[in-house]
N, C-alpha and C. Protein backbone atom coordinates (compact mmCIF):
# COMPACT_ATOMS: atom_id res chain seq x y z
N MET A 1 0.85 -1.18 0.00
CA MET A 1 0.00 0.00 0.00
C MET A 1 0.89 1.24 0.00
N ARG A 2 0.55 2.21 -0.84
CA ARG A 2 1.40 3.39 -0.95
C ARG A 2 0.58 4.66 -0.77
N MET A 3 1.12 5.61 -0.05
CA MET A 3 0.48 6.89 0.18
C MET A 3 1.18 7.94 -0.66
N LYS A 4 0.53 9.10 -0.85
CA LYS A 4 1.14 10.18 -1.61
C LYS A 4 2.46 10.60 -0.96
N ARG A 5 2.44 10.78 0.34
CA ARG A 5 3.67 11.03 1.08
C ARG A 5 3.70 10.05 2.23
N GLY A 6 4.87 9.64 2.60
CA GLY A 6 5.00 8.62 3.62
C GLY A 6 4.56 9.06 5.00
N PHE A 7 4.74 8.16 5.95
CA PHE A 7 4.34 8.37 7.34
C PHE A 7 5.55 8.10 8.20
N PHE A 8 5.86 9.01 9.09
CA PHE A 8 7.09 8.97 9.87
C PHE A 8 6.76 8.63 11.32
N VAL A 9 7.14 7.41 11.74
CA VAL A 9 6.90 6.94 13.10
C VAL A 9 8.24 6.81 13.83
N VAL A 10 8.31 7.39 15.03
CA VAL A 10 9.53 7.32 15.82
C VAL A 10 9.23 6.67 17.17
N PHE A 11 10.11 5.77 17.58
CA PHE A 11 10.04 5.20 18.92
C PHE A 11 11.05 5.91 19.81
N GLU A 12 10.60 6.32 20.98
CA GLU A 12 11.45 6.97 21.96
C GLU A 12 11.31 6.28 23.31
N GLY A 13 12.26 6.54 24.19
CA GLY A 13 12.22 5.97 25.53
C GLY A 13 13.62 5.79 26.07
N GLY A 14 13.70 5.56 27.36
CA GLY A 14 14.98 5.41 28.02
C GLY A 14 15.59 4.04 27.78
N GLU A 15 16.69 3.79 28.47
CA GLU A 15 17.39 2.51 28.33
C GLU A 15 16.47 1.37 28.79
N GLY A 16 16.45 0.28 28.02
CA GLY A 16 15.66 -0.88 28.39
C GLY A 16 14.17 -0.74 28.16
N ALA A 17 13.75 0.26 27.39
CA ALA A 17 12.32 0.45 27.14
C ALA A 17 11.77 -0.56 26.14
N GLY A 18 12.66 -1.17 25.35
CA GLY A 18 12.21 -2.18 24.39
C GLY A 18 11.95 -1.63 23.00
N LYS A 19 12.60 -0.53 22.66
CA LYS A 19 12.36 0.10 21.37
C LYS A 19 12.72 -0.80 20.19
N SER A 20 13.88 -1.43 20.25
CA SER A 20 14.37 -2.19 19.09
C SER A 20 13.42 -3.31 18.69
N ILE A 21 12.94 -4.08 19.66
CA ILE A 21 12.04 -5.19 19.34
C ILE A 21 10.69 -4.67 18.85
N GLN A 22 10.21 -3.55 19.40
CA GLN A 22 8.93 -3.00 18.96
C GLN A 22 9.03 -2.43 17.54
N VAL A 23 10.18 -1.87 17.20
CA VAL A 23 10.42 -1.42 15.82
C VAL A 23 10.28 -2.59 14.87
N GLU A 24 10.90 -3.72 15.21
CA GLU A 24 10.85 -4.90 14.35
C GLU A 24 9.43 -5.44 14.19
N ILE A 25 8.71 -5.49 15.31
CA ILE A 25 7.35 -6.04 15.26
C ILE A 25 6.43 -5.13 14.45
N LEU A 26 6.55 -3.82 14.67
CA LEU A 26 5.71 -2.89 13.91
C LEU A 26 6.02 -2.99 12.42
N ALA A 27 7.27 -3.04 12.07
CA ALA A 27 7.65 -3.15 10.65
C ALA A 27 7.05 -4.41 10.03
N SER A 28 7.05 -5.50 10.78
CA SER A 28 6.47 -6.75 10.30
C SER A 28 4.98 -6.60 10.04
N HIS A 29 4.26 -5.96 10.99
CA HIS A 29 2.82 -5.72 10.81
C HIS A 29 2.57 -4.88 9.56
N LEU A 30 3.36 -3.84 9.38
CA LEU A 30 3.17 -2.94 8.25
C LEU A 30 3.39 -3.65 6.92
N ARG A 31 4.41 -4.49 6.86
CA ARG A 31 4.68 -5.22 5.63
C ARG A 31 3.56 -6.21 5.32
N GLU A 32 2.99 -6.79 6.38
CA GLU A 32 1.86 -7.70 6.18
C GLU A 32 0.66 -6.97 5.59
N GLU A 33 0.57 -5.66 5.88
CA GLU A 33 -0.52 -4.83 5.34
C GLU A 33 -0.13 -4.20 4.01
N ASP A 34 0.99 -4.63 3.46
CA ASP A 34 1.46 -4.22 2.13
C ASP A 34 1.95 -2.77 2.08
N TYR A 35 2.44 -2.27 3.21
CA TYR A 35 3.10 -0.95 3.21
C TYR A 35 4.57 -1.13 2.87
N ALA A 36 5.12 -0.19 2.13
CA ALA A 36 6.56 -0.13 1.90
C ALA A 36 7.17 0.51 3.14
N VAL A 37 8.14 -0.15 3.75
CA VAL A 37 8.66 0.27 5.05
C VAL A 37 10.18 0.47 5.00
N THR A 38 10.62 1.55 5.61
CA THR A 38 12.05 1.77 5.84
C THR A 38 12.29 1.78 7.34
N VAL A 39 13.14 0.89 7.81
CA VAL A 39 13.46 0.80 9.23
C VAL A 39 14.86 1.35 9.44
N THR A 40 15.00 2.22 10.44
CA THR A 40 16.29 2.84 10.67
C THR A 40 16.46 3.20 12.13
N ARG A 41 17.62 3.81 12.47
CA ARG A 41 17.88 4.12 13.88
C ARG A 41 18.79 5.33 13.98
N GLU A 42 18.81 5.91 15.19
CA GLU A 42 19.72 7.02 15.49
C GLU A 42 20.43 6.78 16.80
N PRO A 43 21.67 7.28 16.93
CA PRO A 43 22.46 7.74 15.79
C PRO A 43 22.78 6.58 14.87
N GLY A 44 22.92 6.87 13.60
CA GLY A 44 23.18 5.81 12.63
C GLY A 44 22.30 5.94 11.42
N GLY A 45 21.92 4.81 10.84
CA GLY A 45 21.02 4.79 9.70
C GLY A 45 21.70 4.99 8.36
N THR A 46 22.87 5.58 8.35
CA THR A 46 23.65 5.77 7.14
C THR A 46 25.09 5.36 7.44
N ARG A 47 25.89 5.25 6.42
CA ARG A 47 27.29 4.88 6.63
C ARG A 47 28.00 5.88 7.54
N ILE A 48 27.80 7.15 7.28
CA ILE A 48 28.43 8.18 8.09
C ILE A 48 27.83 8.20 9.50
N GLY A 49 26.51 8.04 9.57
CA GLY A 49 25.85 8.02 10.87
C GLY A 49 26.32 6.89 11.76
N GLU A 50 26.57 5.73 11.16
CA GLU A 50 27.06 4.60 11.95
C GLU A 50 28.48 4.84 12.45
N GLN A 51 29.28 5.57 11.68
CA GLN A 51 30.61 5.93 12.15
C GLN A 51 30.53 6.87 13.35
N ILE A 52 29.57 7.79 13.30
CA ILE A 52 29.37 8.69 14.43
C ILE A 52 28.87 7.91 15.65
N ARG A 53 27.99 6.95 15.42
CA ARG A 53 27.50 6.12 16.52
C ARG A 53 28.64 5.39 17.21
N ALA A 54 29.60 4.94 16.42
CA ALA A 54 30.75 4.23 17.00
C ALA A 54 31.51 5.14 17.97
N ILE A 55 31.53 6.43 17.69
CA ILE A 55 32.19 7.39 18.59
C ILE A 55 31.35 7.63 19.83
N THR A 56 30.07 7.93 19.65
CA THR A 56 29.22 8.32 20.78
C THR A 56 28.93 7.17 21.73
N HIS A 57 28.99 5.92 21.23
CA HIS A 57 28.64 4.77 22.07
C HIS A 57 29.85 3.98 22.59
N ASN A 58 31.03 4.33 22.13
CA ASN A 58 32.23 3.61 22.55
C ASN A 58 32.53 3.88 24.01
N SER A 59 32.59 2.82 24.83
CA SER A 59 32.81 2.98 26.27
C SER A 59 34.17 3.59 26.58
N GLU A 60 35.08 3.59 25.62
CA GLU A 60 36.39 4.21 25.85
C GLU A 60 36.30 5.74 25.81
N ASN A 61 35.22 6.26 25.21
CA ASN A 61 35.10 7.70 25.05
C ASN A 61 34.35 8.35 26.20
N VAL A 62 34.73 7.99 27.41
CA VAL A 62 34.07 8.55 28.59
C VAL A 62 34.36 10.04 28.73
N ASP A 63 35.40 10.51 28.05
CA ASP A 63 35.76 11.92 28.14
C ASP A 63 35.10 12.76 27.05
N LEU A 64 34.17 12.18 26.29
CA LEU A 64 33.46 12.95 25.27
C LEU A 64 32.65 14.06 25.92
N ASP A 65 32.92 15.28 25.55
CA ASP A 65 32.23 16.43 26.14
C ASP A 65 30.75 16.42 25.74
N SER A 66 29.90 16.88 26.64
CA SER A 66 28.45 16.84 26.39
C SER A 66 28.05 17.72 25.21
N VAL A 67 28.73 18.85 25.02
CA VAL A 67 28.42 19.72 23.88
C VAL A 67 28.86 19.04 22.58
N ALA A 68 30.05 18.43 22.60
CA ALA A 68 30.52 17.70 21.42
C ALA A 68 29.56 16.55 21.10
N GLU A 69 29.07 15.87 22.14
CA GLU A 69 28.11 14.79 21.94
C GLU A 69 26.86 15.30 21.25
N ALA A 70 26.36 16.44 21.69
CA ALA A 70 25.14 17.01 21.10
C ALA A 70 25.34 17.32 19.62
N TYR A 71 26.49 17.87 19.28
CA TYR A 71 26.76 18.18 17.88
C TYR A 71 26.97 16.93 17.04
N LEU A 72 27.57 15.91 17.61
CA LEU A 72 27.74 14.66 16.88
C LEU A 72 26.39 14.02 16.57
N MET A 73 25.49 14.03 17.55
CA MET A 73 24.15 13.48 17.32
C MET A 73 23.44 14.26 16.22
N ALA A 74 23.57 15.58 16.25
CA ALA A 74 22.93 16.42 15.22
C ALA A 74 23.55 16.17 13.85
N ALA A 75 24.87 15.95 13.82
CA ALA A 75 25.54 15.68 12.55
C ALA A 75 25.05 14.37 11.94
N SER A 76 24.94 13.35 12.76
CA SER A 76 24.40 12.07 12.29
C SER A 76 22.99 12.26 11.76
N ARG A 77 22.19 13.06 12.47
CA ARG A 77 20.79 13.31 12.08
C ARG A 77 20.71 14.06 10.75
N ALA A 78 21.57 15.03 10.55
CA ALA A 78 21.57 15.79 9.31
C ALA A 78 21.79 14.87 8.11
N GLN A 79 22.76 13.98 8.23
CA GLN A 79 23.02 13.02 7.16
C GLN A 79 21.85 12.06 6.99
N HIS A 80 21.30 11.63 8.09
CA HIS A 80 20.20 10.66 8.12
C HIS A 80 18.96 11.20 7.41
N VAL A 81 18.59 12.44 7.75
CA VAL A 81 17.39 13.04 7.16
C VAL A 81 17.55 13.19 5.66
N ARG A 82 18.67 13.71 5.24
CA ARG A 82 18.86 14.02 3.83
C ARG A 82 19.11 12.78 2.96
N GLU A 83 19.82 11.82 3.52
CA GLU A 83 20.17 10.64 2.73
C GLU A 83 19.10 9.56 2.75
N LEU A 84 18.39 9.43 3.86
CA LEU A 84 17.48 8.28 4.00
C LEU A 84 16.04 8.65 4.32
N ILE A 85 15.82 9.44 5.37
CA ILE A 85 14.45 9.67 5.84
C ILE A 85 13.61 10.44 4.84
N GLU A 86 14.09 11.59 4.42
CA GLU A 86 13.30 12.41 3.50
C GLU A 86 13.05 11.72 2.16
N PRO A 87 14.05 11.10 1.54
CA PRO A 87 13.77 10.38 0.29
C PRO A 87 12.74 9.26 0.45
N ALA A 88 12.78 8.57 1.60
CA ALA A 88 11.80 7.49 1.83
C ALA A 88 10.39 8.06 1.97
N LEU A 89 10.26 9.17 2.66
CA LEU A 89 8.94 9.79 2.82
C LEU A 89 8.42 10.31 1.49
N VAL A 90 9.27 10.91 0.69
CA VAL A 90 8.88 11.39 -0.63
C VAL A 90 8.40 10.23 -1.50
N ALA A 91 9.03 9.06 -1.32
CA ALA A 91 8.65 7.87 -2.09
C ALA A 91 7.38 7.21 -1.55
N GLY A 92 6.79 7.76 -0.50
CA GLY A 92 5.53 7.22 0.02
C GLY A 92 5.68 6.09 1.01
N LYS A 93 6.87 5.91 1.56
CA LYS A 93 7.11 4.81 2.49
C LYS A 93 6.77 5.20 3.93
N VAL A 94 6.54 4.17 4.73
CA VAL A 94 6.43 4.37 6.18
C VAL A 94 7.84 4.23 6.75
N VAL A 95 8.31 5.27 7.38
CA VAL A 95 9.63 5.25 8.01
C VAL A 95 9.44 4.96 9.50
N VAL A 96 10.06 3.90 9.98
CA VAL A 96 10.01 3.54 11.40
C VAL A 96 11.41 3.71 11.95
N CYS A 97 11.56 4.66 12.87
CA CYS A 97 12.89 5.03 13.34
C CYS A 97 13.03 4.82 14.85
N ASP A 98 14.11 4.18 15.23
CA ASP A 98 14.46 3.98 16.64
C ASP A 98 15.24 5.21 17.08
N ARG A 99 14.56 6.15 17.70
CA ARG A 99 15.07 7.44 18.17
C ARG A 99 15.14 8.49 17.06
N PHE A 100 14.91 9.74 17.49
CA PHE A 100 15.08 10.89 16.60
C PHE A 100 15.43 12.08 17.48
N VAL A 101 15.03 13.26 17.09
CA VAL A 101 15.51 14.47 17.78
C VAL A 101 15.09 14.52 19.26
N ASP A 102 13.97 13.90 19.61
CA ASP A 102 13.54 13.91 21.01
C ASP A 102 14.55 13.21 21.92
N SER A 103 15.28 12.24 21.37
CA SER A 103 16.33 11.60 22.17
C SER A 103 17.42 12.60 22.53
N SER A 104 17.77 13.46 21.58
CA SER A 104 18.77 14.48 21.87
C SER A 104 18.27 15.45 22.93
N ILE A 105 17.00 15.81 22.83
CA ILE A 105 16.43 16.72 23.83
C ILE A 105 16.42 16.05 25.20
N ALA A 106 16.01 14.79 25.25
CA ALA A 106 15.93 14.08 26.53
C ALA A 106 17.32 13.80 27.10
N TYR A 107 18.22 13.31 26.27
CA TYR A 107 19.54 12.88 26.76
C TYR A 107 20.51 14.04 26.94
N GLN A 108 20.62 14.89 25.93
CA GLN A 108 21.55 16.00 26.08
C GLN A 108 20.91 17.23 26.73
N GLY A 109 19.65 17.50 26.37
CA GLY A 109 18.97 18.65 26.94
C GLY A 109 18.68 18.50 28.42
N TYR A 110 18.09 17.35 28.77
CA TYR A 110 17.73 17.10 30.17
C TYR A 110 18.81 16.30 30.89
N GLY A 111 19.22 15.18 30.31
CA GLY A 111 20.22 14.34 30.96
C GLY A 111 21.54 15.06 31.20
N ARG A 112 22.04 15.74 30.17
CA ARG A 112 23.32 16.46 30.28
C ARG A 112 23.14 17.90 30.76
N LYS A 113 21.89 18.30 30.94
CA LYS A 113 21.55 19.64 31.46
C LYS A 113 21.96 20.77 30.51
N LEU A 114 21.94 20.50 29.21
CA LEU A 114 22.26 21.57 28.26
C LEU A 114 21.05 22.44 27.94
N GLY A 115 19.87 21.95 28.26
CA GLY A 115 18.65 22.72 28.05
C GLY A 115 17.91 22.34 26.78
N GLU A 116 16.58 22.27 26.89
CA GLU A 116 15.75 21.87 25.76
C GLU A 116 15.90 22.82 24.58
N ASP A 117 15.84 24.12 24.83
CA ASP A 117 15.92 25.10 23.75
C ASP A 117 17.27 25.04 23.05
N THR A 118 18.33 24.84 23.81
CA THR A 118 19.66 24.74 23.23
C THR A 118 19.72 23.59 22.23
N ILE A 119 19.21 22.43 22.60
CA ILE A 119 19.26 21.27 21.73
C ILE A 119 18.35 21.44 20.52
N ARG A 120 17.21 22.06 20.72
CA ARG A 120 16.32 22.33 19.57
C ARG A 120 17.04 23.23 18.56
N ASN A 121 17.73 24.24 19.05
CA ASN A 121 18.43 25.16 18.16
C ASN A 121 19.56 24.45 17.41
N VAL A 122 20.30 23.60 18.12
CA VAL A 122 21.38 22.85 17.50
C VAL A 122 20.85 21.95 16.38
N ASN A 123 19.65 21.42 16.55
CA ASN A 123 19.08 20.46 15.60
C ASN A 123 18.18 21.07 14.53
N GLU A 124 17.96 22.36 14.61
CA GLU A 124 17.04 22.98 13.66
C GLU A 124 17.48 22.77 12.21
N LEU A 125 18.73 23.01 11.93
CA LEU A 125 19.25 22.81 10.58
C LEU A 125 19.34 21.31 10.25
N ALA A 126 19.69 20.52 11.25
CA ALA A 126 19.87 19.08 11.02
C ALA A 126 18.59 18.40 10.56
N VAL A 127 17.46 18.70 11.20
CA VAL A 127 16.22 17.99 10.88
C VAL A 127 15.60 18.46 9.57
N ASN A 128 15.97 19.67 9.13
CA ASN A 128 15.53 20.17 7.82
C ASN A 128 14.00 20.10 7.66
N GLY A 129 13.29 20.37 8.74
CA GLY A 129 11.83 20.37 8.69
C GLY A 129 11.18 19.02 8.86
N ALA A 130 11.96 17.98 9.04
CA ALA A 130 11.39 16.63 9.21
C ALA A 130 10.82 16.49 10.62
N ILE A 131 9.53 16.29 10.71
CA ILE A 131 8.85 16.13 11.99
C ILE A 131 8.09 14.81 11.97
N PRO A 132 8.26 13.98 12.98
CA PRO A 132 7.51 12.71 13.01
C PRO A 132 6.00 12.95 12.99
N ASP A 133 5.29 12.10 12.26
CA ASP A 133 3.83 12.14 12.30
C ASP A 133 3.33 11.57 13.62
N MET A 134 4.08 10.64 14.18
CA MET A 134 3.73 10.04 15.46
C MET A 134 5.00 9.66 16.21
N THR A 135 5.06 10.04 17.47
CA THR A 135 6.18 9.65 18.32
C THR A 135 5.64 8.78 19.44
N ILE A 136 6.08 7.53 19.47
CA ILE A 136 5.63 6.58 20.48
C ILE A 136 6.68 6.53 21.59
N VAL A 137 6.29 6.96 22.76
CA VAL A 137 7.18 6.92 23.91
C VAL A 137 6.89 5.65 24.70
N LEU A 138 7.86 4.75 24.73
CA LEU A 138 7.72 3.52 25.52
C LEU A 138 8.12 3.85 26.95
N ASP A 139 7.12 3.90 27.78
CA ASP A 139 7.28 4.39 29.15
C ASP A 139 7.62 3.26 30.11
N VAL A 140 8.82 3.30 30.64
CA VAL A 140 9.23 2.33 31.65
C VAL A 140 10.05 3.07 32.70
N PRO A 141 9.82 2.80 33.98
CA PRO A 141 10.62 3.46 35.03
C PRO A 141 12.10 3.18 34.82
N PRO A 142 12.96 4.18 35.03
CA PRO A 142 14.40 3.99 34.79
C PRO A 142 14.98 2.77 35.50
N SER A 143 14.53 2.50 36.73
CA SER A 143 15.09 1.36 37.48
C SER A 143 14.79 0.04 36.78
N LEU A 144 13.56 -0.12 36.28
CA LEU A 144 13.19 -1.35 35.58
C LEU A 144 13.92 -1.44 34.23
N GLY A 145 13.98 -0.32 33.53
CA GLY A 145 14.65 -0.31 32.24
C GLY A 145 16.12 -0.68 32.35
N LEU A 146 16.79 -0.13 33.35
CA LEU A 146 18.21 -0.43 33.54
C LEU A 146 18.43 -1.88 33.96
N ASP A 147 17.48 -2.41 34.75
CA ASP A 147 17.58 -3.80 35.15
C ASP A 147 17.44 -4.71 33.93
N ARG A 148 16.47 -4.41 33.07
CA ARG A 148 16.29 -5.17 31.83
C ARG A 148 17.55 -5.10 30.97
N ARG A 149 18.04 -3.88 30.85
CA ARG A 149 19.22 -3.65 30.01
C ARG A 149 20.42 -4.44 30.53
N GLY A 150 20.58 -4.46 31.85
CA GLY A 150 21.70 -5.17 32.44
C GLY A 150 21.62 -6.67 32.25
N ARG A 151 20.37 -7.20 32.30
CA ARG A 151 20.19 -8.64 32.14
C ARG A 151 20.33 -9.10 30.70
N GLY A 152 19.99 -8.20 29.76
CA GLY A 152 19.96 -8.63 28.36
C GLY A 152 21.17 -8.26 27.55
N MET A 153 22.12 -7.55 28.14
CA MET A 153 23.23 -7.03 27.36
C MET A 153 24.50 -7.82 27.58
N LYS A 154 25.25 -8.03 26.49
CA LYS A 154 26.53 -8.72 26.57
C LYS A 154 27.67 -7.75 26.88
N MET A 155 27.56 -6.55 26.33
CA MET A 155 28.63 -5.57 26.51
C MET A 155 28.03 -4.19 26.72
N LYS A 156 28.49 -3.47 27.72
CA LYS A 156 27.98 -2.13 27.99
C LYS A 156 28.63 -1.11 27.07
N ASP A 157 27.80 -0.15 26.59
CA ASP A 157 28.37 0.94 25.81
C ASP A 157 28.43 2.19 26.68
N ARG A 158 28.90 3.28 26.10
CA ARG A 158 29.15 4.50 26.88
C ARG A 158 27.89 5.03 27.56
N LEU A 159 26.73 4.89 26.91
CA LEU A 159 25.50 5.43 27.48
C LEU A 159 24.92 4.53 28.56
N ASP A 160 25.54 3.38 28.79
CA ASP A 160 25.13 2.51 29.90
C ASP A 160 25.93 2.80 31.17
N LEU A 161 26.87 3.71 31.08
CA LEU A 161 27.80 3.94 32.19
C LEU A 161 27.53 5.24 32.94
N GLN A 162 26.31 5.76 32.85
CA GLN A 162 25.97 7.02 33.50
C GLN A 162 25.45 6.78 34.92
N GLN A 163 25.40 7.86 35.69
CA GLN A 163 24.85 7.78 37.04
C GLN A 163 23.33 7.71 37.00
N LYS A 164 22.73 7.18 38.06
CA LYS A 164 21.29 6.99 38.10
C LYS A 164 20.52 8.29 37.87
N ASP A 165 21.00 9.39 38.44
CA ASP A 165 20.26 10.64 38.30
C ASP A 165 20.21 11.12 36.85
N PHE A 166 21.20 10.71 36.04
CA PHE A 166 21.17 11.04 34.62
C PHE A 166 19.95 10.40 33.96
N TYR A 167 19.73 9.12 34.21
CA TYR A 167 18.60 8.41 33.61
C TYR A 167 17.27 8.94 34.14
N ASP A 168 17.25 9.37 35.39
CA ASP A 168 16.04 9.97 35.95
C ASP A 168 15.70 11.27 35.21
N ARG A 169 16.72 12.07 34.91
CA ARG A 169 16.49 13.34 34.19
C ARG A 169 16.02 13.05 32.76
N VAL A 170 16.60 12.04 32.12
CA VAL A 170 16.16 11.66 30.78
C VAL A 170 14.68 11.28 30.80
N TYR A 171 14.30 10.48 31.78
CA TYR A 171 12.90 10.05 31.90
C TYR A 171 11.97 11.25 32.06
N GLN A 172 12.35 12.18 32.94
CA GLN A 172 11.53 13.37 33.14
C GLN A 172 11.48 14.23 31.88
N GLY A 173 12.55 14.20 31.10
CA GLY A 173 12.55 14.92 29.83
C GLY A 173 11.48 14.40 28.90
N TYR A 174 11.39 13.09 28.79
CA TYR A 174 10.36 12.50 27.94
C TYR A 174 8.96 12.81 28.45
N VAL A 175 8.78 12.76 29.75
CA VAL A 175 7.48 13.08 30.35
C VAL A 175 7.08 14.50 29.99
N THR A 176 8.02 15.43 30.09
CA THR A 176 7.75 16.83 29.79
C THR A 176 7.42 17.03 28.32
N LEU A 177 8.18 16.41 27.44
CA LEU A 177 7.93 16.54 26.00
C LEU A 177 6.53 16.05 25.63
N ALA A 178 6.17 14.88 26.15
CA ALA A 178 4.87 14.30 25.83
C ALA A 178 3.73 15.14 26.38
N LYS A 179 3.94 15.69 27.56
CA LYS A 179 2.90 16.52 28.19
C LYS A 179 2.66 17.80 27.40
N ASN A 180 3.72 18.35 26.83
CA ASN A 180 3.62 19.63 26.12
C ASN A 180 3.10 19.50 24.69
N ASP A 181 3.06 18.29 24.14
CA ASP A 181 2.58 18.11 22.77
C ASP A 181 1.82 16.78 22.66
N PRO A 182 0.67 16.69 23.34
CA PRO A 182 -0.07 15.41 23.38
C PRO A 182 -0.61 14.98 22.01
N GLY A 183 -0.69 15.90 21.07
CA GLY A 183 -1.20 15.55 19.75
C GLY A 183 -0.25 14.68 18.95
N ARG A 184 1.05 14.78 19.23
CA ARG A 184 2.03 14.00 18.48
C ARG A 184 2.53 12.78 19.23
N TYR A 185 2.55 12.86 20.55
CA TYR A 185 3.12 11.78 21.35
C TYR A 185 2.06 10.79 21.79
N VAL A 186 2.41 9.52 21.72
CA VAL A 186 1.58 8.45 22.27
C VAL A 186 2.42 7.74 23.33
N ILE A 187 1.94 7.73 24.55
CA ILE A 187 2.67 7.08 25.63
C ILE A 187 2.11 5.68 25.84
N ILE A 188 2.99 4.70 25.78
CA ILE A 188 2.58 3.30 25.95
C ILE A 188 3.39 2.69 27.09
N ASP A 189 2.68 2.05 28.01
CA ASP A 189 3.32 1.42 29.17
C ASP A 189 4.13 0.22 28.71
N SER A 190 5.45 0.36 28.71
CA SER A 190 6.28 -0.75 28.24
C SER A 190 6.84 -1.60 29.37
N SER A 191 6.25 -1.44 30.57
CA SER A 191 6.60 -2.37 31.64
C SER A 191 5.84 -3.69 31.46
N LYS A 192 4.87 -3.68 30.53
CA LYS A 192 4.10 -4.89 30.23
C LYS A 192 4.92 -5.82 29.32
N SER A 193 4.33 -6.94 28.96
CA SER A 193 5.03 -7.91 28.11
C SER A 193 5.26 -7.34 26.72
N ILE A 194 6.23 -7.88 26.01
CA ILE A 194 6.52 -7.47 24.65
C ILE A 194 5.28 -7.59 23.78
N GLU A 195 4.55 -8.69 23.95
CA GLU A 195 3.35 -8.93 23.14
C GLU A 195 2.27 -7.89 23.41
N ASP A 196 2.05 -7.57 24.69
CA ASP A 196 1.03 -6.58 25.03
C ASP A 196 1.39 -5.19 24.50
N VAL A 197 2.65 -4.85 24.61
CA VAL A 197 3.11 -3.55 24.10
C VAL A 197 2.93 -3.49 22.59
N ALA A 198 3.28 -4.58 21.91
CA ALA A 198 3.16 -4.63 20.45
C ALA A 198 1.71 -4.46 19.99
N VAL A 199 0.78 -5.04 20.73
CA VAL A 199 -0.64 -4.90 20.40
C VAL A 199 -1.05 -3.43 20.52
N SER A 200 -0.63 -2.78 21.59
CA SER A 200 -0.97 -1.37 21.79
C SER A 200 -0.36 -0.48 20.70
N VAL A 201 0.88 -0.78 20.34
CA VAL A 201 1.56 -0.01 19.29
C VAL A 201 0.82 -0.14 17.97
N TRP A 202 0.52 -1.38 17.60
CA TRP A 202 -0.14 -1.60 16.31
C TRP A 202 -1.51 -0.95 16.26
N LYS A 203 -2.21 -0.95 17.36
CA LYS A 203 -3.54 -0.36 17.41
C LYS A 203 -3.49 1.13 17.07
N VAL A 204 -2.56 1.86 17.69
CA VAL A 204 -2.50 3.31 17.47
C VAL A 204 -1.95 3.65 16.09
N VAL A 205 -0.97 2.88 15.62
CA VAL A 205 -0.38 3.16 14.31
C VAL A 205 -1.38 2.83 13.19
N LYS A 206 -2.04 1.69 13.30
CA LYS A 206 -3.02 1.29 12.28
C LYS A 206 -4.15 2.30 12.19
N LYS A 207 -4.62 2.78 13.34
CA LYS A 207 -5.70 3.77 13.33
C LYS A 207 -5.25 5.05 12.64
N ALA A 208 -4.04 5.51 12.94
CA ALA A 208 -3.52 6.73 12.33
C ALA A 208 -3.38 6.58 10.82
N LEU A 209 -2.91 5.41 10.37
CA LEU A 209 -2.75 5.18 8.94
C LEU A 209 -4.10 5.05 8.25
N ASP A 210 -5.05 4.41 8.90
CA ASP A 210 -6.39 4.27 8.32
C ASP A 210 -7.02 5.65 8.13
N ILE A 211 -6.89 6.51 9.13
CA ILE A 211 -7.41 7.88 9.03
C ILE A 211 -6.73 8.62 7.90
N ARG A 212 -5.41 8.47 7.82
CA ARG A 212 -4.64 9.15 6.78
C ARG A 212 -5.05 8.66 5.38
N ASN A 213 -5.40 7.41 5.30
CA ASN A 213 -5.78 6.83 4.00
C ASN A 213 -7.26 6.97 3.70
N GLY A 214 -7.99 7.67 4.58
CA GLY A 214 -9.40 7.96 4.31
C GLY A 214 -10.35 6.85 4.65
N LYS A 215 -9.91 5.87 5.42
CA LYS A 215 -10.79 4.78 5.82
C LYS A 215 -11.68 5.21 6.99
N LYS A 216 -12.89 4.69 7.01
CA LYS A 216 -13.79 4.99 8.11
C LYS A 216 -13.37 4.21 9.34
N ILE A 217 -13.35 4.90 10.47
CA ILE A 217 -12.96 4.27 11.73
C ILE A 217 -14.22 3.92 12.51
N ALA A 218 -14.31 2.66 12.88
CA ALA A 218 -15.51 2.21 13.60
C ALA A 218 -15.56 2.81 14.99
């Protein structure tokens, strides 16, 4: 199924929220419904973006300055939008992305205390007007998310080595973002099972796409 212009869905949330698996499940549902789908992630998604990810996530780079980190994330995003996201949307595809600019606001703006407005300004040129049609925030308490992350991970990266209060600030950042723009954000309780979360995700995405495609909603 193809639309005149694509649909941009972003998954957001703290560590251990379950974004990666939900991205995969949603993409599978969409393909079953005959949508053309592009699945991607941030930082990354392009050759250059993945090189930047290697810098920002390398546990050896504990001395990476928070301002430098913010600019690296924006640089990856600039390449990502222009090389992959925007062309896919123009082609009428559904883009499903694991993190986007809200991650920078939550992690660098709130977590690193650089400020929401500062990060928005840094990313204004990077996003080039690309705004998600729907942002799904997988809501899980930081303590549970970190516990999940610790149990499921083979190797810790740089963003797993922060202090607890950092993750608490990130969580509050997401809460604030969703509260201030309820029309774009959908909050889903991801402390539930993977299957239950996937059902909730598919319900909201399918409804949004049906409305966009002019289908009557019962």
